[in-house]
């Protein structure tokens, strides 16, 4: 995924418009390094990072849920597969 500065630059050069922050008052244009939501360590918006983390968590939970097995007595267990990790 392209970082915030790259997406902002492409939006301006390709479409003649700026990115806008839905979390700022009055829906102001994204100002990257001058924005309180900007993370200079990753060159990304903290809201995008949070969304990416939520997707990763959801994918992990989906995989974990696929390992749960219920026997005929209603008891749950997790199937563990050793993949040589």
C-alpha atoms as a PDB file:
ATOM      1  CA  UNK A   1       0.000   0.000   0.000  1.00  0.00           C
ATOM      2  CA  UNK A   2       1.250   3.473  -0.837  1.00  0.00           C
ATOM      3  CA  UNK A   3       1.996   5.752   2.099  1.00  0.00           C
ATOM      4  CA  UNK A   4       0.117   8.944   2.869  1.00  0.00           C
ATOM      5  CA  UNK A   5       2.564  11.339   1.212  1.00  0.00           C
ATOM      6  CA  UNK A   6       2.530   9.315  -2.031  1.00  0.00           C
ATOM      7  CA  UNK A   7      -1.286   9.073  -2.094  1.00  0.00           C
ATOM      8  CA  UNK A   8      -1.562  12.808  -1.410  1.00  0.00           C
ATOM      9  CA  UNK A   9       0.880  13.665  -4.206  1.00  0.00           C
ATOM     10  CA  UNK A  10      -0.850  11.363  -6.708  1.00  0.00           C
ATOM     11  CA  UNK A  11      -4.275  12.775  -5.855  1.00  0.00           C
ATOM     12  CA  UNK A  12      -2.995  16.251  -6.607  1.00  0.00           C
ATOM     13  CA  UNK A  13      -1.092  15.460  -9.813  1.00  0.00           C
ATOM     14  CA  UNK A  14      -3.559  12.971 -11.304  1.00  0.00           C
ATOM     15  CA  UNK A  15      -6.865  14.480 -10.224  1.00  0.00           C
ATOM     16  CA  UNK A  16      -6.063  18.090  -9.332  1.00  0.00           C
ATOM     17  CA  UNK A  17      -7.423  17.685  -5.829  1.00  0.00           C
ATOM     18  CA  UNK A  18      -6.125  17.134  -2.344  1.00  0.00           C
ATOM     19  CA  UNK A  19      -6.789  14.386   0.177  1.00  0.00           C
ATOM     20  CA  UNK A  20      -9.140  15.430   2.947  1.00  0.00           C
ATOM     21  CA  UNK A  21      -9.079  14.282   6.544  1.00  0.00           C
ATOM     22  CA  UNK A  22     -12.502  13.172   7.786  1.00  0.00           C
ATOM     23  CA  UNK A  23     -11.211  13.480  11.371  1.00  0.00           C
ATOM     24  CA  UNK A  24     -10.273  17.161  11.198  1.00  0.00           C
ATOM     25  CA  UNK A  25     -12.659  20.035  11.897  1.00  0.00           C
ATOM     26  CA  UNK A  26     -14.363  21.322   8.756  1.00  0.00           C
ATOM     27  CA  UNK A  27     -13.002  18.356   6.730  1.00  0.00           C
ATOM     28  CA  UNK A  28      -9.746  20.207   5.937  1.00  0.00           C
ATOM     29  CA  UNK A  29      -7.136  19.039   3.418  1.00  0.00           C
ATOM     30  CA  UNK A  30      -4.598  16.544   4.704  1.00  0.00           C
ATOM     31  CA  UNK A  31      -1.355  18.325   5.493  1.00  0.00           C
ATOM     32  CA  UNK A  32       0.781  15.245   6.231  1.00  0.00           C
ATOM     33  CA  UNK A  33       3.636  16.361   8.493  1.00  0.00           C
ATOM     34  CA  UNK A  34       1.629  19.243   9.976  1.00  0.00           C
ATOM     35  CA  UNK A  35      -1.352  17.055  10.907  1.00  0.00           C
ATOM     36  CA  UNK A  36      -1.889  15.747  14.427  1.00  0.00           C
ATOM     37  CA  UNK A  37      -2.914  12.409  12.888  1.00  0.00           C
ATOM     38  CA  UNK A  38       0.335  11.989  10.939  1.00  0.00           C
ATOM     39  CA  UNK A  39       2.901   9.431  12.144  1.00  0.00           C
ATOM     40  CA  UNK A  40       6.345  10.553  10.898  1.00  0.00           C
ATOM     41  CA  UNK A  41       7.915   7.193  11.789  1.00  0.00           C
ATOM     42  CA  UNK A  42       5.779   5.371   9.221  1.00  0.00           C
ATOM     43  CA  UNK A  43       4.881   8.313   6.961  1.00  0.00           C
ATOM     44  CA  UNK A  44       1.234   7.401   7.400  1.00  0.00           C
ATOM     45  CA  UNK A  45      -2.000   8.623   8.950  1.00  0.00           C
ATOM     46  CA  UNK A  46      -2.727   6.998  12.317  1.00  0.00           C
ATOM     47  CA  UNK A  47      -6.299   6.305  11.189  1.00  0.00           C
ATOM     48  CA  UNK A  48      -5.033   4.325   8.186  1.00  0.00           C
ATOM     49  CA  UNK A  49      -2.663   2.426  10.489  1.00  0.00           C
ATOM     50  CA  UNK A  50      -5.565   1.641  12.822  1.00  0.00           C
ATOM     51  CA  UNK A  51      -7.683   0.364   9.925  1.00  0.00           C
ATOM     52  CA  UNK A  52      -4.797  -1.801   8.682  1.00  0.00           C
ATOM     53  CA  UNK A  53      -4.386  -3.240  12.196  1.00  0.00           C
ATOM     54  CA  UNK A  54      -8.112  -4.020  12.386  1.00  0.00           C
ATOM     55  CA  UNK A  55      -7.937  -5.888   9.075  1.00  0.00           C
ATOM     56  CA  UNK A  56      -4.928  -7.903  10.280  1.00  0.00           C
ATOM     57  CA  UNK A  57      -6.720  -8.749  13.541  1.00  0.00           C
ATOM     58  CA  UNK A  58      -9.877  -9.800  11.689  1.00  0.00           C
ATOM     59  CA  UNK A  59      -7.856 -12.080   9.389  1.00  0.00           C
ATOM     60  CA  UNK A  60      -6.105 -13.648  12.390  1.00  0.00           C
ATOM     61  CA  UNK A  61      -9.413 -14.197  14.181  1.00  0.00           C
ATOM     62  CA  UNK A  62     -10.911 -15.767  11.060  1.00  0.00           C
ATOM     63  CA  UNK A  63      -8.013 -18.225  10.850  1.00  0.00           C
ATOM     64  CA  UNK A  64      -8.251 -18.976  14.575  1.00  0.00           C
ATOM     65  CA  UNK A  65     -12.003 -19.525  14.357  1.00  0.00           C
ATOM     66  CA  UNK A  66     -11.375 -22.085  11.637  1.00  0.00           C
ATOM     67  CA  UNK A  67      -9.378 -24.195  14.090  1.00  0.00           C
ATOM     68  CA  UNK A  68     -12.169 -24.490  16.688  1.00  0.00           C
ATOM     69  CA  UNK A  69     -13.899 -27.845  16.683  1.00  0.00           C
ATOM     70  CA  UNK A  70     -16.977 -28.850  18.690  1.00  0.00           C
ATOM     71  CA  UNK A  71     -17.483 -32.520  19.547  1.00  0.00           C
ATOM     72  CA  UNK A  72     -20.830 -34.271  19.822  1.00  0.00           C
ATOM     73  CA  UNK A  73     -21.087 -33.354  23.517  1.00  0.00           C
ATOM     74  CA  UNK A  74     -20.752 -29.635  22.750  1.00  0.00           C
ATOM     75  CA  UNK A  75     -17.185 -29.359  24.019  1.00  0.00           C
ATOM     76  CA  UNK A  76     -14.932 -26.993  22.077  1.00  0.00           C
ATOM     77  CA  UNK A  77     -11.275 -27.526  21.327  1.00  0.00           C
ATOM     78  CA  UNK A  78      -8.666 -25.935  19.113  1.00  0.00           C
ATOM     79  CA  UNK A  79      -7.002 -28.052  16.449  1.00  0.00           C
ATOM     80  CA  UNK A  80      -3.248 -27.432  16.494  1.00  0.00           C
ATOM     81  CA  UNK A  81      -1.215 -28.231  13.405  1.00  0.00           C
ATOM     82  CA  UNK A  82       2.574 -28.268  13.708  1.00  0.00           C
ATOM     83  CA  UNK A  83       3.962 -26.784  10.506  1.00  0.00           C
ATOM     84  CA  UNK A  84       7.543 -26.895  11.685  1.00  0.00           C
ATOM     85  CA  UNK A  85       7.619 -23.306  12.873  1.00  0.00           C
END
